[in-house]
Protein backbone atom coordinates (compact mmCIF):
# COMPACT_ATOMS: atom_id res chain seq x y z
CA MET A 1 16.05 -54.06 158.06
CA VAL A 2 13.99 -56.90 156.35
CA VAL A 3 12.89 -56.02 152.98
CA LEU A 4 12.23 -59.58 151.54
CA HIS A 5 9.06 -60.67 152.32
CA PRO A 6 7.44 -64.14 152.10
CA LEU A 7 4.58 -64.61 149.36
CA SER A 8 2.23 -65.57 152.25
CA ASP A 9 2.31 -61.75 153.13
CA PHE A 10 0.48 -61.02 150.07
CA ILE A 11 -1.53 -63.81 148.52
CA ASP A 12 -3.05 -67.29 149.71
CA SER A 13 -0.96 -70.43 149.67
CA ASP A 14 -3.41 -71.94 147.13
CA PHE A 15 -2.58 -69.29 144.35
CA ALA A 16 -1.53 -70.60 141.06
CA VAL A 17 2.25 -69.67 141.22
CA SER A 18 2.64 -71.03 137.92
CA ASP A 19 0.36 -68.72 136.30
CA LEU A 20 2.64 -66.24 133.93
CA SER A 21 -0.24 -64.75 131.90
CA CYS A 22 1.11 -61.13 131.22
CA SER A 23 -0.86 -57.83 130.83
CA TYR A 24 2.05 -55.62 130.56
CA TYR A 25 5.89 -55.57 129.77
CA TYR A 26 8.68 -53.30 131.32
CA GLU A 27 10.92 -53.15 128.55
CA GLY A 28 14.26 -51.47 127.05
CA ARG A 29 17.15 -52.01 124.75
CA CYS A 30 20.29 -53.48 126.38
CA LEU A 31 22.93 -50.78 125.86
CA GLN A 32 25.74 -53.03 125.01
CA ASN A 33 24.12 -55.39 122.38
CA GLY A 34 21.11 -53.85 121.51
CA ASN A 35 18.96 -57.09 122.44
CA ARG A 36 15.35 -56.08 123.60
CA LEU A 37 15.06 -56.98 127.44
CA LYS A 38 11.57 -57.51 129.17
CA LEU A 39 10.14 -57.98 132.51
CA PRO A 40 6.56 -58.87 132.50
CA ARG A 41 3.43 -57.76 134.82
CA THR A 42 1.94 -61.04 135.37
CA LEU A 43 -1.34 -62.07 136.98
CA MET A 44 0.90 -63.22 140.03
CA SER A 45 2.40 -59.83 140.63
CA GLU A 46 -0.93 -58.03 140.11
CA ALA A 47 -2.39 -60.55 142.72
CA ILE A 48 0.80 -59.78 145.05
CA ALA A 49 -0.22 -56.11 144.46
CA HIS A 50 -3.85 -56.54 145.47
CA GLY A 51 -2.44 -58.00 148.59
CA LEU A 52 -0.30 -54.72 149.38
CA MET A 53 -3.19 -52.83 148.77
CA GLN A 54 -5.10 -54.71 151.46
CA HIS A 55 -2.34 -53.66 153.88
CA LEU A 56 -2.23 -50.11 152.65
CA ILE A 57 -6.19 -49.57 152.97
CA ASN A 58 -5.98 -50.70 156.74
CA ASN A 59 -3.43 -47.95 157.54
CA ASP A 60 -4.32 -44.27 157.28
CA CYS A 61 -0.83 -42.96 156.88
CA TYR A 62 -0.57 -44.35 153.38
CA SER A 63 -3.76 -42.35 152.28
CA ARG A 64 -2.41 -38.79 153.08
CA GLU A 65 -0.82 -38.45 149.92
CA GLY A 66 -1.06 -39.85 146.35
CA LYS A 67 1.91 -41.77 145.06
CA MET A 68 2.84 -44.90 143.06
CA TYR A 69 3.90 -48.12 145.02
CA GLY A 70 5.31 -51.24 143.71
CA ILE A 71 6.28 -54.84 144.19
CA LEU A 72 9.00 -57.02 142.68
CA LEU A 73 8.70 -60.56 142.80
CA VAL A 74 12.11 -62.22 142.80
CA GLU A 75 13.92 -65.52 143.03
CA LEU A 76 16.61 -66.18 145.52
CA PRO A 77 19.83 -68.16 144.73
CA ASN A 78 18.33 -71.38 146.41
CA GLY A 79 14.92 -70.97 144.02
CA GLU A 80 12.91 -69.24 146.70
CA GLN A 81 10.44 -66.68 145.72
CA ARG A 82 10.13 -63.54 147.78
CA VAL A 83 8.64 -60.12 147.23
CA LEU A 84 10.20 -56.74 147.54
CA LYS A 85 8.07 -53.56 147.97
CA ALA A 86 8.85 -49.85 147.43
CA PHE A 87 7.14 -46.45 147.15
CA SER A 88 7.98 -43.42 144.98
CA GLY A 89 9.78 -40.50 146.44
CA LEU A 90 9.44 -40.03 150.10
CA LEU A 91 6.79 -41.54 152.36
CA ASN A 92 5.23 -39.07 155.06
CA GLY A 93 8.67 -37.05 154.63
CA CYS A 94 10.74 -40.30 155.19
CA SER A 95 12.83 -41.98 152.48
CA VAL A 96 13.88 -45.08 154.59
CA VAL A 97 10.90 -47.06 156.06
CA GLU A 98 11.15 -50.38 157.55
CA GLY A 99 9.95 -53.24 155.29
CA TRP A 100 10.37 -51.13 152.05
CA VAL A 101 13.14 -51.19 149.87
CA PRO A 102 15.72 -48.44 150.52
CA PRO A 103 16.11 -45.34 148.17
CA ILE A 104 18.97 -45.55 145.67
CA PRO A 105 22.42 -44.47 147.04
CA GLY A 106 23.43 -41.01 146.38
CA ARG A 107 20.79 -39.00 148.07
CA ASP A 108 22.65 -39.08 151.43
CA GLU A 109 25.83 -37.37 149.93
CA VAL A 110 23.56 -33.95 148.71
CA ALA A 111 21.27 -34.18 151.76
CA LEU A 112 22.64 -31.04 153.26
CA GLU A 113 22.42 -29.44 150.09
CA GLU A 114 18.98 -30.50 149.29
CA ALA A 115 17.61 -29.22 152.72
CA ARG A 116 18.93 -25.87 152.12
CA THR A 117 17.64 -25.72 148.75
CA LEU A 118 14.14 -27.20 149.58
CA ALA A 119 14.30 -24.69 152.13
CA GLN A 120 14.72 -21.82 149.64
CA LEU A 121 12.34 -23.29 147.32
CA ASP A 122 9.63 -23.65 150.22
CA ALA A 123 10.24 -19.58 150.83
CA LEU A 124 9.85 -18.69 147.01
CA LYS A 125 6.68 -20.86 146.91
CA GLN A 126 5.31 -18.82 150.06
CA GLU A 127 6.09 -15.78 148.39
CA LEU A 128 4.17 -16.89 145.38
CA ILE A 129 1.29 -17.81 147.10
CA SER A 130 1.29 -14.58 148.99
CA LEU A 131 1.62 -12.69 145.67
CA LYS A 132 -1.02 -14.58 143.68
CA GLN A 133 -3.55 -13.60 146.68
CA LEU A 134 -3.00 -10.06 146.03
CA SER A 135 -6.17 -8.34 147.44
CA GLU A 136 -5.84 -5.54 144.81
CA ARG A 137 -6.72 -8.12 142.24
CA GLN A 138 -10.11 -8.66 143.61
CA GLU A 139 -10.34 -4.62 144.21
CA TYR A 140 -9.39 -3.88 140.67
CA GLN A 141 -12.00 -6.69 139.13
CA THR A 142 -14.81 -5.25 141.39
CA LEU A 143 -13.90 -1.47 140.61
CA PHE A 144 -13.71 -2.78 136.68
CA ASP A 145 -17.16 -4.44 137.03
CA GLU A 146 -18.68 -1.26 138.44
CA PHE A 147 -17.30 0.99 136.04
CA GLU A 148 -18.49 -1.42 133.05
CA GLN A 149 -21.98 -1.47 134.53
CA GLN A 150 -22.17 2.63 134.54
CA LEU A 151 -20.75 2.71 131.09
CA GLN A 152 -23.36 0.12 129.85
CA VAL A 153 -26.23 2.22 131.65
CA MET A 154 -24.79 5.62 130.12
CA SER A 155 -24.50 3.90 126.73
CA ASP A 156 -28.11 2.74 126.78
CA ARG A 157 -29.32 6.15 127.83
CA HIS A 158 -26.99 8.15 125.16
CA ARG A 159 -28.33 5.48 122.47
CA HIS A 160 -31.80 6.27 123.47
CA CYS A 161 -31.37 10.15 123.48
CA LYS A 162 -29.66 9.92 120.30
CA HIS A 163 -32.69 8.15 118.91
CA GLN A 164 -35.02 10.98 120.16
CA ARG A 165 -32.82 13.49 118.70
CA LEU A 166 -33.30 12.05 115.33
CA GLN A 167 -36.89 11.77 115.69
CA LYS A 168 -37.06 15.51 116.78
CA ARG A 169 -34.78 16.57 113.87
CA GLN A 170 -37.09 15.00 111.21
CA GLN A 171 -40.10 16.87 112.91
CA ILE A 172 -38.62 19.98 113.15
CA CYS A 173 -37.15 20.34 109.81
CA ASN A 174 -41.09 20.42 108.62
CA THR A 175 -42.53 22.79 111.05
CA LEU A 176 -40.00 25.41 112.12
CA THR A 177 -39.13 28.75 110.40
CA PRO A 178 -35.13 28.82 108.99
CA GLU A 179 -34.05 30.85 112.16
CA ALA A 180 -35.89 28.72 114.88
CA LEU A 181 -34.72 25.55 113.00
CA THR A 182 -30.96 26.91 113.35
CA ILE A 183 -31.35 27.41 116.95
CA ALA A 184 -33.15 24.13 117.49
CA LEU A 185 -30.53 22.19 115.70
CA GLU A 186 -27.62 23.74 117.58
CA GLN A 187 -29.49 22.72 120.83
CA LEU A 188 -29.79 19.05 119.76
CA ASP A 189 -26.06 19.29 118.82
CA GLU A 190 -24.97 20.58 122.05
CA GLU A 191 -26.82 17.92 123.81
CA SER A 192 -24.95 15.15 121.83
CA ARG A 193 -21.72 17.02 122.64
CA GLN A 194 -22.30 17.05 126.39
CA GLN A 195 -23.14 13.52 126.09
CA GLY A 196 -19.68 12.74 124.59
CA ILE A 197 -18.18 14.60 127.16
CA GLU A 198 -20.01 12.87 130.03
CA ARG A 199 -18.83 9.47 128.59
CA ARG A 200 -14.87 10.86 128.10
CA GLN A 201 -15.13 12.05 131.95
CA LEU A 202 -16.50 8.73 133.20
CA LYS A 203 -13.38 6.84 131.21
CA ARG A 204 -11.01 9.47 132.48
CA GLN A 205 -12.28 8.63 136.05
CA GLN A 206 -11.97 4.84 135.24
CA ASN A 207 -8.34 5.22 134.19
CA ALA A 208 -7.63 7.35 137.29
CA VAL A 209 -8.89 4.71 139.73
CA LEU A 210 -7.77 1.67 137.84
CA GLN A 211 -4.25 2.55 136.55
CA PRO A 212 -2.57 2.48 139.90
CA LEU A 213 -4.16 -0.99 140.56
CA GLN A 214 -3.04 -2.14 136.98
CA GLU A 215 0.60 -1.02 137.72
CA LEU A 216 0.74 -2.53 141.05
CA ILE A 217 -0.73 -5.80 139.61
CA ALA A 218 1.74 -5.70 136.84
CA ALA A 219 4.64 -5.29 138.99
CA THR A 220 3.35 -8.25 141.21
CA ASP A 221 3.11 -10.40 137.91
CA ALA A 222 6.59 -9.39 137.01
CA ARG A 223 7.89 -10.39 140.52
CA ILE A 224 6.00 -13.82 140.28
CA SER A 225 7.59 -14.46 136.81
CA GLU A 226 10.87 -13.84 138.37
CA LEU A 227 10.36 -16.06 141.25
CA LYS A 228 9.17 -18.61 138.98
CA GLN A 229 12.58 -18.32 137.18
CA GLN A 230 14.47 -18.51 140.28
CA ARG A 231 12.50 -21.66 141.26
CA LYS A 232 13.29 -23.34 137.97
CA ALA A 233 17.03 -22.54 138.33
CA LEU A 234 17.30 -23.92 142.11
CA SER A 235 15.41 -27.13 141.10
CA ARG A 236 17.58 -27.45 137.90
CA GLN A 237 20.56 -27.03 140.13
CA LEU A 238 19.65 -29.36 142.68
CA GLN A 239 18.56 -31.99 140.19
CA ALA A 240 21.75 -31.87 138.47
CA GLN A 241 23.74 -32.45 141.99
CA MET A 242 21.40 -35.24 142.89
CA HIS A 243 21.88 -36.87 139.63
CA ALA A 244 25.53 -36.69 139.60
CA SER A 245 25.51 -38.45 143.07
CA TYR A 246 22.79 -41.04 142.42
CA SER A 247 24.36 -44.49 141.13
CA LEU A 248 22.20 -47.18 139.35
CA THR A 249 23.56 -50.92 139.18
CA ASN A 250 21.91 -53.19 136.63
CA PHE A 251 22.16 -57.19 136.54
CA SER A 252 25.48 -57.09 134.74
CA GLY A 253 27.00 -55.54 137.74
CA ARG A 254 27.79 -52.20 135.84
CA SER A 255 26.96 -49.10 137.84
CA ARG A 256 26.39 -45.46 136.27
CA SER A 257 25.14 -42.21 137.67
CA LEU A 258 21.66 -40.78 136.36
CA GLN A 259 23.62 -37.94 134.95
CA GLU A 260 25.65 -40.36 132.87
CA LEU A 261 22.59 -42.34 131.80
CA MET A 262 20.28 -39.32 130.84
CA PRO A 263 22.81 -36.57 129.93
CA GLY A 264 20.48 -34.35 128.38
CA GLY A 265 18.74 -33.98 131.75
CA SER A 266 15.75 -35.53 133.36
CA PRO A 267 12.97 -34.30 135.35
CA THR A 268 12.69 -34.02 139.33
CA GLY A 269 12.13 -37.29 140.75
CA THR A 270 14.11 -39.37 138.49
CA GLY A 271 15.50 -42.22 140.50
CA ASP A 272 13.19 -42.10 143.17
CA CYS A 273 10.40 -44.09 141.45
CA CYS A 274 9.45 -47.68 142.43
CA ALA A 275 10.66 -49.36 139.25
CA PRO A 276 14.42 -48.04 139.63
CA LYS A 277 14.22 -48.56 143.31
CA LEU A 278 13.03 -52.07 142.82
CA LEU A 279 15.49 -53.20 139.82
CA HIS A 280 18.69 -51.75 141.74
CA TYR A 281 17.93 -53.55 144.93
CA ALA A 282 17.56 -56.84 143.14
CA ALA A 283 20.79 -56.16 141.24
CA THR A 284 22.75 -55.37 143.99
CA HIS A 285 21.52 -58.25 146.30
CA ASN A 286 21.67 -61.11 143.71
CA LEU A 287 17.92 -61.33 143.18
CA LYS A 288 16.52 -62.55 139.94
CA PRO A 289 13.30 -60.48 138.98
CA LEU A 290 10.41 -62.56 137.66
CA ALA A 291 7.63 -60.00 137.67
CA MET A 292 6.66 -56.31 138.76
CA ALA A 293 3.59 -54.40 139.09
CA GLU A 294 3.09 -50.78 139.83
CA PHE A 295 0.03 -49.09 141.03
CA TRP A 296 -1.48 -45.71 142.39
CA TRP A 297 -2.72 -45.40 146.07
CA GLY A 298 -4.12 -42.40 147.39
CA ALA A 299 -5.60 -38.96 146.19
CA SER A 300 -4.94 -38.07 142.72
CA LEU A 301 -2.27 -35.23 142.16
CA VAL A 302 -3.36 -32.15 140.36
CA ASN A 303 -3.69 -32.61 136.73
CA GLN A 304 -2.55 -36.19 137.00
CA ASP A 305 -6.23 -37.91 137.38
CA LYS A 306 -4.61 -41.00 138.71
CA ILE A 307 -6.98 -43.66 139.88
CA GLN A 308 -6.44 -45.35 143.37
CA GLY A 309 -5.74 -49.11 142.99
CA GLU A 310 -5.42 -49.00 139.11
CA PHE A 311 -2.05 -50.44 137.59
CA TYR A 312 0.45 -48.18 135.63
CA GLY A 313 3.39 -48.74 133.48
CA ALA A 314 6.83 -47.17 133.54
CA CYS A 315 6.63 -43.38 133.23
CA ALA A 316 7.68 -42.16 130.12
CA GLU A 317 9.77 -39.31 131.29
CA ARG A 318 11.21 -40.71 134.29
CA CYS A 319 11.34 -44.54 134.21
CA GLN A 320 11.32 -45.72 130.74
CA PRO A 321 14.55 -44.17 129.50
CA LEU A 322 16.38 -46.01 132.35
CA MET A 323 14.87 -49.61 131.78
CA GLY A 324 17.28 -50.68 128.86
CA PHE A 325 20.05 -50.14 131.53
CA LEU A 326 18.53 -51.41 134.50
CA LEU A 327 17.44 -54.55 132.86
CA SER A 328 20.69 -55.28 131.40
CA GLY A 329 22.28 -58.53 132.25
CA LEU A 330 18.88 -60.27 132.27
CA ARG A 331 18.49 -62.96 129.47
CA PRO A 332 16.63 -61.57 126.52
CA ILE A 333 12.66 -62.86 126.67
CA SER A 334 11.28 -64.37 123.31
CA ILE A 335 7.46 -64.91 123.69
CA PRO A 336 5.47 -66.44 121.20
CA ASN A 337 2.23 -64.66 120.19
CA ARG A 338 0.21 -67.15 122.17
CA ASP A 339 1.41 -65.81 125.59
CA PHE A 340 -0.28 -62.65 124.47
CA TYR A 341 -3.87 -63.92 123.53
CA THR A 342 -4.21 -67.11 122.21
CA THR A 343 -7.88 -67.19 120.87
CA ALA A 344 -7.22 -64.08 118.74
CA PRO A 345 -6.90 -65.84 115.27
CA LEU A 346 -10.40 -67.56 116.13
CA LEU A 347 -12.25 -64.36 116.97
CA LEU A 348 -10.36 -62.42 114.08
CA ASN A 349 -11.78 -65.21 111.72
CA THR A 350 -15.31 -64.70 113.29
CA LEU A 351 -15.12 -60.91 113.19
CA THR A 352 -14.19 -61.29 109.00
CA ASP A 353 -17.13 -63.20 108.68
CA LEU A 354 -19.43 -60.85 110.45
CA ARG A 355 -18.12 -57.93 108.64
CA SER A 356 -18.89 -59.51 105.27
CA SER A 357 -22.84 -59.85 106.22
CA ASN A 358 -25.08 -57.26 105.51
CA GLU A 359 -26.05 -56.35 109.07
CA LYS A 360 -25.56 -52.91 109.94
CA ARG A 361 -25.55 -53.19 113.77
CA CYS A 362 -22.02 -54.06 114.88
CA ASN A 363 -22.74 -55.39 118.36
CA PHE A 364 -20.25 -58.70 117.84
CA PRO A 365 -17.80 -59.44 120.64
CA ALA A 366 -14.61 -57.60 120.80
CA PHE A 367 -11.17 -59.30 120.29
CA SER A 368 -7.89 -57.60 121.55
CA ILE A 369 -4.51 -57.03 119.95
CA LYS A 370 -2.23 -58.37 122.49
CA GLY A 371 -4.81 -58.17 125.23
CA GLU A 372 -4.66 -54.60 125.37
CA ILE A 373 -7.00 -52.63 123.23
CA PRO A 374 -10.37 -54.55 122.15
CA ILE A 375 -11.49 -53.83 118.74
CA LEU A 376 -15.27 -53.47 118.06
CA TYR A 377 -14.93 -52.88 114.21
CA GLU A 378 -12.29 -52.57 111.52
CA ASP A 379 -12.07 -52.28 107.92
CA GLU A 380 -9.62 -50.82 105.20
CA TRP A 381 -11.01 -47.25 106.22
CA LEU A 382 -11.68 -46.92 109.88
CA ILE A 383 -11.57 -48.81 113.16
CA ALA A 384 -13.37 -48.78 116.47
CA VAL A 385 -12.20 -50.01 119.77
CA ASN A 386 -13.35 -50.22 123.24
CA LYS A 387 -11.18 -47.99 125.15
CA PRO A 388 -10.47 -49.05 128.64
CA ALA A 389 -10.88 -46.71 131.56
CA GLY A 390 -7.67 -45.01 132.50
CA LEU A 391 -6.13 -44.88 129.35
CA LEU A 392 -5.67 -41.70 127.16
CA SER A 393 -7.21 -41.52 123.79
CA VAL A 394 -4.16 -39.81 122.37
CA PRO A 395 -0.80 -38.93 123.61
CA GLY A 396 -0.53 -36.01 125.84
CA ARG A 397 1.87 -33.12 125.49
CA TYR A 398 4.69 -34.34 127.93
CA ARG A 399 6.60 -37.51 127.87
CA ASP A 400 4.85 -39.24 130.93
CA ARG A 401 1.66 -38.73 128.99
CA GLN A 402 2.66 -40.65 125.91
CA ASP A 403 0.73 -44.04 126.75
CA SER A 404 -2.75 -43.88 124.56
CA VAL A 405 -4.92 -46.00 122.36
CA LEU A 406 -3.47 -43.84 119.32
CA SER A 407 0.32 -44.49 120.46
CA ARG A 408 -0.47 -48.44 121.03
CA LEU A 409 -2.37 -49.05 118.03
CA ARG A 410 0.30 -47.08 115.82
CA HIS A 411 2.86 -49.53 117.43
CA LEU A 412 1.05 -52.86 117.03
CA LEU A 413 -0.76 -52.55 113.75
CA ALA A 414 1.00 -52.64 110.51
CA ASP A 415 -0.30 -49.77 109.30
CA GLY A 416 -0.73 -47.91 112.70
CA MET A 417 1.23 -44.77 111.68
CA ALA A 418 -1.62 -43.37 109.38
CA LEU A 419 -4.08 -43.77 112.15
CA VAL A 420 -5.74 -40.56 113.07
CA SER A 421 -8.14 -40.27 115.97
CA VAL A 422 -11.27 -38.68 114.86
CA HIS A 423 -12.76 -38.01 118.57
CA ARG A 424 -11.62 -38.33 121.86
CA LEU A 425 -12.66 -39.60 125.18
CA ASP A 426 -11.56 -38.48 128.69
CA GLN A 427 -8.82 -40.71 129.95
CA GLU A 428 -11.11 -41.94 133.04
CA THR A 429 -14.02 -42.75 130.30
CA SER A 430 -14.54 -45.78 128.82
CA GLY A 431 -16.20 -46.81 125.63
CA ILE A 432 -16.23 -46.45 121.63
CA LEU A 433 -13.45 -44.50 120.24
CA LEU A 434 -13.29 -44.05 116.49
CA LEU A 435 -9.83 -43.76 114.38
CA ALA A 436 -9.54 -43.30 110.69
CA ARG A 437 -6.76 -44.85 108.35
CA ASP A 438 -6.63 -42.20 106.19
CA ARG A 439 -6.95 -38.23 105.85
CA GLN A 440 -9.86 -38.48 103.60
CA THR A 441 -11.98 -40.72 105.50
CA HIS A 442 -10.90 -38.80 109.06
CA ARG A 443 -11.89 -35.39 107.09
CA GLN A 444 -15.32 -37.16 106.13
CA LEU A 445 -16.23 -38.47 109.76
CA SER A 446 -14.75 -35.42 111.23
CA GLN A 447 -17.56 -33.42 109.29
CA GLN A 448 -20.36 -35.50 110.83
CA PHE A 449 -19.17 -35.08 114.45
CA GLN A 450 -18.81 -31.29 113.80
CA GLN A 451 -22.18 -31.02 112.07
CA ARG A 452 -23.80 -33.24 114.90
CA GLN A 453 -24.82 -35.95 112.58
CA VAL A 454 -23.17 -38.77 114.82
CA HIS A 455 -25.60 -40.20 117.39
CA LYS A 456 -23.77 -40.84 120.64
CA VAL A 457 -25.02 -42.58 123.87
CA TYR A 458 -23.21 -42.80 127.14
CA GLU A 459 -24.20 -44.63 130.20
CA ALA A 460 -23.13 -43.62 133.87
CA MET A 461 -23.76 -44.59 137.49
CA LEU A 462 -24.37 -41.29 139.56
CA SER A 463 -23.32 -40.94 143.20
CA GLY A 464 -26.97 -40.29 144.50
CA ALA A 465 -30.54 -39.95 143.82
CA VAL A 466 -31.89 -38.14 140.79
CA THR A 467 -35.44 -36.90 141.18
CA VAL A 468 -36.39 -36.59 137.70
CA GLU A 469 -36.92 -39.14 135.25
CA GLN A 470 -35.94 -37.56 131.99
CA GLY A 471 -35.01 -34.13 130.40
CA VAL A 472 -32.72 -31.89 128.75
CA ILE A 473 -29.69 -29.79 130.26
CA GLU A 474 -28.41 -26.92 128.39
CA LEU A 475 -25.33 -25.19 129.99
CA PRO A 476 -22.74 -22.87 128.60
CA LEU A 477 -19.34 -24.38 129.62
CA TRP A 478 -16.14 -22.82 129.59
CA GLY A 479 -12.40 -24.00 130.67
CA ASP A 480 -10.60 -21.78 133.26
CA PRO A 481 -7.08 -21.50 131.72
CA GLN A 482 -6.20 -20.71 135.35
CA ASN A 483 -7.77 -24.13 136.55
CA ARG A 484 -7.26 -26.74 134.04
CA PRO A 485 -8.80 -29.24 133.21
CA GLU A 486 -11.83 -28.34 135.11
CA GLN A 487 -14.70 -26.87 133.27
CA LYS A 488 -17.49 -24.59 134.52
CA VAL A 489 -20.75 -23.10 133.79
CA ASP A 490 -20.10 -19.67 132.47
CA TRP A 491 -22.87 -17.24 131.08
CA GLN A 492 -20.55 -14.84 129.73
CA GLN A 493 -17.60 -17.08 128.21
CA GLY A 494 -19.07 -20.38 128.03
CA LYS A 495 -20.02 -22.17 125.07
CA PRO A 496 -23.45 -23.75 124.37
CA SER A 497 -23.75 -27.80 125.56
CA LEU A 498 -26.85 -29.64 125.20
CA THR A 499 -27.64 -33.17 126.69
CA HIS A 500 -30.66 -35.33 126.79
CA PHE A 501 -30.90 -37.79 129.86
CA GLN A 502 -32.97 -40.63 130.91
CA VAL A 503 -33.00 -42.64 134.18
CA MET A 504 -32.33 -46.18 133.51
CA ALA A 505 -32.50 -47.65 137.02
CA ARG A 506 -32.06 -46.66 140.62
CA GLU A 507 -29.72 -48.94 142.25
CA GLY A 508 -29.34 -48.56 146.19
CA ASP A 509 -28.17 -45.22 146.51
CA TYR A 510 -27.19 -44.59 142.99
CA THR A 511 -28.74 -43.91 139.73
CA ARG A 512 -28.14 -45.16 136.41
CA VAL A 513 -28.69 -42.81 133.54
CA GLU A 514 -28.39 -42.71 129.81
CA PHE A 515 -26.97 -39.63 128.23
CA THR A 516 -27.31 -38.40 124.76
CA PRO A 517 -25.16 -35.42 124.12
CA LEU A 518 -26.04 -33.09 121.19
CA THR A 519 -22.80 -31.30 121.58
CA GLY A 520 -19.32 -32.46 122.41
CA ARG A 521 -17.88 -29.90 124.88
CA THR A 522 -14.83 -31.13 127.31
CA HIS A 523 -16.26 -32.78 130.34
CA GLN A 524 -19.81 -32.19 129.21
CA LEU A 525 -21.50 -34.81 130.80
CA ARG A 526 -19.67 -34.53 133.84
CA VAL A 527 -20.31 -31.03 134.63
CA HIS A 528 -24.12 -31.68 133.48
CA ALA A 529 -24.24 -34.28 135.93
CA ALA A 530 -22.46 -32.56 138.79
CA ASP A 531 -23.68 -28.75 138.43
CA ALA A 532 -26.65 -27.73 140.41
CA ARG A 533 -28.21 -26.33 137.18
CA GLY A 534 -28.12 -29.77 135.68
CA LEU A 535 -28.70 -33.10 137.56
CA GLY A 536 -26.71 -32.06 140.66
CA VAL A 537 -25.51 -35.36 141.36
CA THR A 538 -22.03 -36.27 140.27
CA ILE A 539 -20.84 -39.09 138.25
CA LEU A 540 -19.57 -42.02 140.56
CA GLY A 541 -15.72 -41.76 140.82
CA ASP A 542 -15.57 -38.26 139.45
CA ARG A 543 -13.25 -36.81 142.26
CA LEU A 544 -12.49 -33.83 140.03
CA TYR A 545 -16.23 -32.59 140.28
CA GLY A 546 -16.60 -33.28 143.97
CA CYS A 547 -17.57 -37.10 144.20
CA CYS A 548 -16.33 -38.27 147.65
CA ALA A 549 -17.78 -41.94 147.30
CA VAL A 550 -14.90 -44.42 147.15
CA SER A 551 -14.81 -46.12 143.59
CA SER A 552 -12.22 -47.52 141.57
CA ARG A 553 -12.90 -45.69 138.38
CA LEU A 554 -14.95 -43.07 136.73
CA HIS A 555 -18.42 -44.78 136.02
CA LEU A 556 -19.25 -43.39 132.68
CA HIS A 557 -19.12 -45.45 129.48
CA ALA A 558 -19.48 -44.44 125.84
CA ARG A 559 -21.98 -47.34 125.08
CA GLU A 560 -23.25 -46.60 121.55
CA LEU A 561 -21.86 -44.72 118.22
CA ARG A 562 -24.15 -44.40 115.13
CA PHE A 563 -22.72 -42.73 111.95
CA GLU A 564 -22.71 -43.00 108.16
CA HIS A 565 -19.86 -44.95 106.99
CA PRO A 566 -18.25 -42.57 104.43
CA GLN A 567 -17.11 -45.19 102.01
CA LEU A 568 -19.76 -48.01 102.10
CA GLU A 569 -22.49 -45.47 102.50
CA LYS A 570 -24.43 -47.41 104.98
CA THR A 571 -25.01 -46.54 108.94
CA LEU A 572 -22.72 -48.31 111.35
CA HIS A 573 -24.22 -48.88 115.05
CA LEU A 574 -21.36 -49.84 117.19
CA GLN A 575 -22.22 -50.93 120.78
CA ALA A 576 -19.91 -51.61 123.64
CA ILE A 577 -21.31 -53.33 126.61
CA THR A 578 -21.25 -51.36 129.85
CA PRO A 579 -18.71 -52.91 132.14
CA PHE A 580 -20.27 -51.60 135.51
């Protein structure tokens, strides 16, 4: 099976092969001597990856499921450069596909056990789906709503009667004789008692109807919990068996099982990602790695929000812990600062000069720390950056979501560990993000956001035509805990959200819109654009809320931010040019 491909399969012959500009490093510490080992993602490897994307886009079989793909540029012993390509996991159910790097050895040893366990897991999955679709759940909710409506109508009627009784008591106390008054008051009291009995009877009826359904649902939920525990135990058992069998080899010629490399356990799929596959194959076939690139292709998985065609680094949970071992045997790379960003010192001097002026509008060119996070404004109290689309504002809960603006700045800046994010932008949204360098500044800026004293302007490209020129959208938003991260309009549980909008231009079938949010709810602009009670047109690239148009990113950008500097006592007006 041919897996070494000529460069001409991916790029034109006139491409600058000598261009070693780097945008990212796969890196780790050598387990033997602690040396820092690096493998770059260069412009060359990205160009090769784009060539692979052109092949993927012309074949429907690659769009059926979303997954990571990767390429590794290698040098043969004779000095010739070739390309390896890999996919994560299985491709349409197959682990071995012509032209692609094969899986790491070990899977075949547990293939029978894997098939048996996967069949059990599928049976558990089907039972879980059936239990979650229990018809009695909807029946319970319908009856509960009906009883609640009856109780509300009854309460309103009883409240009105109580008010009438109060008025009647005041009236008869001044007009009836004592004997007649006693009888009349007893009649009013009896009416009150009867209404209390009526309410208790309806509540008993409600309990009699709903309790059996509640018990059935509770038993179903207990069964669901039990099945989930069984599923987790089976997955862990299979994972342990597979990780004991998987054997990785590095460039020192050493081999270790996944179980040895990650004795504390690792998530399902470790060892099946592109980077380990590519590096293991290169190490076992005497190939020298020069550069690597990984990207996402296909639909985004639930709760992942990956963007087709975007480049991603080693995942923190599965791949990064293996990098130190996999890269061992490669010569440590020492790269001077000029390889990162040669003009940074010049721009830094320019930026310092601009900051010393009395201008309040900060729309000067951004410079970049090691080519990663463009900085728009910086002083001893705060820092504002132009967040790229696809990067988290702050680290997520799980290990594979640690890469973020905050974590990168904490790593790159001398005082980075003191940084605190004042607000957040969605991962897919680009634009101005504000961070504080001390707790007092963070508290003061946070108060401005909470009290709606910060002026925010966003620019978006909508995926269709908007019929109105400007207006206000006011809808209550609620995040369904069963369907995160999606937000929806909910008039009972939602929190108020308010957005001003203005059409900037109509560009073909699309509409460019300026949004000024008065509140800061999660996904506020995305829902206000997509919901029929808002503009009824999704933001281009917003697949979460139904955009079907092909797009490489979410076309939403935080363009302007105006606030009072808590220490300098002047207004800062930050701007970041819209990249689309």
